[in-house]
Amino acid sequence: MGNRYIRKHAKIQYNTPNLLNDRINLWRFGLNPQSLTKWIFSHLKLKEHEQILELGSGTGKLWTDNYTQVP
């Protein structure tokens, strides 16, 4: 698969927030008992002194689902 193929299909699959949310929601059909956003956040292992700047990375669901856990 070339980069052009990947870009073309990624643009289709992530073109709108609804399509992104649909792909995120596919996670619930797996075996992991955690939501995708809780699982990702648990692997960040943020320390109190660290800062994160996230721009244009989707719907912000990772942070709205985990805002009480941010140091």
N, C-alpha and C. Protein backbone atom coordinates (compact mmCIF):
# COMPACT_ATOMS: atom_id res chain seq x y z
N MET A 1 0.83 -1.18 0.00
CA MET A 1 0.00 0.00 0.00
C MET A 1 0.87 1.25 0.00
N GLY A 2 0.59 2.13 -0.90
CA GLY A 2 1.35 3.36 -0.97
C GLY A 2 0.73 4.45 -0.12
N ASN A 3 1.48 5.51 0.07
CA ASN A 3 1.00 6.64 0.86
C ASN A 3 -0.25 7.27 0.28
N ARG A 4 -0.34 7.31 -1.04
CA ARG A 4 -1.52 7.91 -1.68
C ARG A 4 -2.78 7.11 -1.32
N TYR A 5 -2.67 5.79 -1.36
CA TYR A 5 -3.80 4.92 -1.01
C TYR A 5 -4.22 5.16 0.44
N ILE A 6 -3.25 5.21 1.34
CA ILE A 6 -3.54 5.42 2.76
C ILE A 6 -4.19 6.77 2.98
N ARG A 7 -3.64 7.82 2.39
CA ARG A 7 -4.21 9.17 2.54
C ARG A 7 -5.64 9.23 2.01
N LYS A 8 -5.87 8.61 0.86
CA LYS A 8 -7.21 8.63 0.26
C LYS A 8 -8.23 7.98 1.19
N HIS A 9 -7.91 6.83 1.71
CA HIS A 9 -8.87 6.11 2.55
C HIS A 9 -8.96 6.70 3.96
N ALA A 10 -7.90 7.24 4.46
CA ALA A 10 -7.96 7.92 5.76
C ALA A 10 -8.85 9.16 5.65
N LYS A 11 -8.74 9.87 4.55
CA LYS A 11 -9.58 11.06 4.36
C LYS A 11 -11.06 10.67 4.32
N ILE A 12 -11.37 9.57 3.69
CA ILE A 12 -12.76 9.10 3.64
C ILE A 12 -13.23 8.68 5.04
N GLN A 13 -12.43 7.90 5.73
CA GLN A 13 -12.84 7.31 7.00
C GLN A 13 -12.86 8.32 8.15
N TYR A 14 -12.09 9.38 8.06
CA TYR A 14 -12.01 10.36 9.14
C TYR A 14 -12.47 11.74 8.68
N ASN A 15 -13.26 11.81 7.63
CA ASN A 15 -13.64 13.06 7.00
C ASN A 15 -14.50 13.95 7.89
N THR A 16 -15.33 13.38 8.73
CA THR A 16 -16.20 14.17 9.60
C THR A 16 -16.07 13.65 11.02
N PRO A 17 -16.44 14.48 12.01
CA PRO A 17 -16.41 14.01 13.40
C PRO A 17 -17.27 12.76 13.62
N ASN A 18 -18.38 12.66 12.91
CA ASN A 18 -19.24 11.48 13.07
C ASN A 18 -18.53 10.21 12.61
N LEU A 19 -17.81 10.29 11.51
CA LEU A 19 -17.08 9.11 11.03
C LEU A 19 -15.96 8.74 12.00
N LEU A 20 -15.29 9.74 12.55
CA LEU A 20 -14.25 9.47 13.55
C LEU A 20 -14.86 8.81 14.77
N ASN A 21 -15.98 9.34 15.26
CA ASN A 21 -16.65 8.74 16.42
C ASN A 21 -17.09 7.31 16.12
N ASP A 22 -17.57 7.05 14.92
CA ASP A 22 -17.96 5.69 14.56
C ASP A 22 -16.77 4.74 14.66
N ARG A 23 -15.61 5.18 14.19
CA ARG A 23 -14.42 4.32 14.26
C ARG A 23 -13.98 4.13 15.71
N ILE A 24 -14.07 5.16 16.53
CA ILE A 24 -13.73 5.04 17.95
C ILE A 24 -14.68 4.06 18.63
N ASN A 25 -15.96 4.15 18.28
CA ASN A 25 -16.97 3.29 18.92
C ASN A 25 -16.83 1.81 18.54
N LEU A 26 -16.11 1.50 17.47
CA LEU A 26 -15.87 0.10 17.13
C LEU A 26 -15.12 -0.63 18.25
N TRP A 27 -14.36 0.11 19.04
CA TRP A 27 -13.57 -0.45 20.15
C TRP A 27 -14.45 -1.24 21.11
N ARG A 28 -15.67 -0.80 21.32
CA ARG A 28 -16.54 -1.45 22.32
C ARG A 28 -16.90 -2.89 21.95
N PHE A 29 -16.69 -3.27 20.71
CA PHE A 29 -16.99 -4.64 20.30
C PHE A 29 -15.82 -5.59 20.53
N GLY A 30 -14.71 -5.08 21.04
CA GLY A 30 -13.55 -5.90 21.34
C GLY A 30 -13.64 -6.51 22.73
N LEU A 31 -12.55 -7.06 23.20
CA LEU A 31 -12.52 -7.73 24.49
C LEU A 31 -12.06 -6.84 25.64
N ASN A 32 -11.50 -5.67 25.33
CA ASN A 32 -11.01 -4.79 26.38
C ASN A 32 -12.19 -4.16 27.12
N PRO A 33 -12.24 -4.28 28.46
CA PRO A 33 -13.36 -3.73 29.22
C PRO A 33 -13.35 -2.20 29.30
N GLN A 34 -12.20 -1.56 29.00
CA GLN A 34 -12.11 -0.11 29.03
C GLN A 34 -12.53 0.49 27.70
N SER A 35 -13.02 1.74 27.74
CA SER A 35 -13.28 2.44 26.49
C SER A 35 -11.93 2.76 25.84
N LEU A 36 -11.95 3.05 24.56
CA LEU A 36 -10.71 3.37 23.85
C LEU A 36 -10.02 4.58 24.47
N THR A 37 -10.78 5.62 24.79
CA THR A 37 -10.17 6.83 25.34
C THR A 37 -9.58 6.58 26.74
N LYS A 38 -10.23 5.77 27.54
CA LYS A 38 -9.68 5.44 28.87
C LYS A 38 -8.41 4.59 28.71
N TRP A 39 -8.42 3.67 27.76
CA TRP A 39 -7.25 2.82 27.53
C TRP A 39 -6.06 3.65 27.06
N ILE A 40 -6.29 4.51 26.08
CA ILE A 40 -5.20 5.37 25.58
C ILE A 40 -4.65 6.22 26.70
N PHE A 41 -5.54 6.86 27.47
CA PHE A 41 -5.09 7.75 28.54
C PHE A 41 -4.28 6.99 29.59
N SER A 42 -4.69 5.77 29.89
CA SER A 42 -3.97 4.98 30.91
C SER A 42 -2.54 4.67 30.46
N HIS A 43 -2.29 4.70 29.17
CA HIS A 43 -0.94 4.43 28.66
C HIS A 43 -0.09 5.69 28.50
N LEU A 44 -0.68 6.85 28.69
CA LEU A 44 0.10 8.09 28.59
C LEU A 44 1.05 8.27 29.78
N LYS A 45 0.61 7.83 30.96
CA LYS A 45 1.42 7.92 32.18
C LYS A 45 1.96 9.34 32.39
N LEU A 46 1.03 10.30 32.41
CA LEU A 46 1.39 11.70 32.60
C LEU A 46 1.89 11.96 34.01
N LYS A 47 2.90 12.79 34.08
CA LYS A 47 3.41 13.22 35.38
C LYS A 47 2.94 14.64 35.64
N GLU A 48 2.93 15.04 36.90
CA GLU A 48 2.35 16.32 37.28
C GLU A 48 3.01 17.51 36.59
N HIS A 49 4.28 17.46 36.32
CA HIS A 49 4.99 18.61 35.74
C HIS A 49 4.89 18.67 34.21
N GLU A 50 4.35 17.65 33.58
CA GLU A 50 4.30 17.60 32.12
C GLU A 50 3.09 18.37 31.58
N GLN A 51 3.26 18.87 30.37
CA GLN A 51 2.18 19.58 29.69
C GLN A 51 2.01 18.98 28.30
N ILE A 52 0.77 19.02 27.81
CA ILE A 52 0.48 18.50 26.48
C ILE A 52 -0.28 19.56 25.71
N LEU A 53 0.12 19.77 24.47
CA LEU A 53 -0.61 20.63 23.55
C LEU A 53 -1.09 19.74 22.42
N GLU A 54 -2.39 19.62 22.29
CA GLU A 54 -2.97 18.78 21.24
C GLU A 54 -3.81 19.67 20.34
N LEU A 55 -3.46 19.72 19.08
CA LEU A 55 -4.16 20.56 18.11
C LEU A 55 -4.65 19.73 16.93
N GLY A 56 -5.90 19.88 16.59
CA GLY A 56 -6.42 19.23 15.40
C GLY A 56 -6.33 17.72 15.43
N SER A 57 -6.53 17.14 16.60
CA SER A 57 -6.35 15.70 16.73
C SER A 57 -7.66 14.96 16.88
N GLY A 58 -8.74 15.54 16.43
CA GLY A 58 -10.01 14.84 16.50
C GLY A 58 -11.06 15.64 17.24
N THR A 59 -11.88 14.93 18.00
CA THR A 59 -13.04 15.54 18.63
C THR A 59 -12.77 16.03 20.05
N GLY A 60 -11.63 15.72 20.61
CA GLY A 60 -11.33 16.09 21.99
C GLY A 60 -11.87 15.10 23.01
N LYS A 61 -12.44 13.99 22.54
CA LYS A 61 -13.06 12.99 23.42
C LYS A 61 -12.05 12.37 24.40
N LEU A 62 -10.80 12.22 23.99
CA LEU A 62 -9.80 11.69 24.90
C LEU A 62 -9.73 12.53 26.17
N TRP A 63 -9.78 13.84 26.01
CA TRP A 63 -9.63 14.75 27.15
C TRP A 63 -10.93 14.94 27.90
N THR A 64 -12.07 14.99 27.21
CA THR A 64 -13.35 15.13 27.93
C THR A 64 -13.67 13.88 28.73
N ASP A 65 -13.27 12.73 28.26
CA ASP A 65 -13.52 11.48 28.99
C ASP A 65 -12.57 11.30 30.17
N ASN A 66 -11.46 12.02 30.19
CA ASN A 66 -10.42 11.79 31.22
C ASN A 66 -10.01 13.05 31.97
N TYR A 67 -10.78 14.13 31.87
CA TYR A 67 -10.34 15.39 32.45
C TYR A 67 -10.11 15.31 33.96
N THR A 68 -10.81 14.44 34.65
CA THR A 68 -10.60 14.34 36.11
C THR A 68 -9.30 13.63 36.46
N GLN A 69 -8.68 12.97 35.49
CA GLN A 69 -7.44 12.24 35.73
C GLN A 69 -6.19 13.01 35.34
N VAL A 70 -6.38 14.19 34.73
CA VAL A 70 -5.22 14.99 34.31
C VAL A 70 -4.56 15.58 35.55
N PRO A 71 -3.25 15.35 35.70
CA PRO A 71 -2.56 15.89 36.89
C PRO A 71 -2.57 17.41 36.92
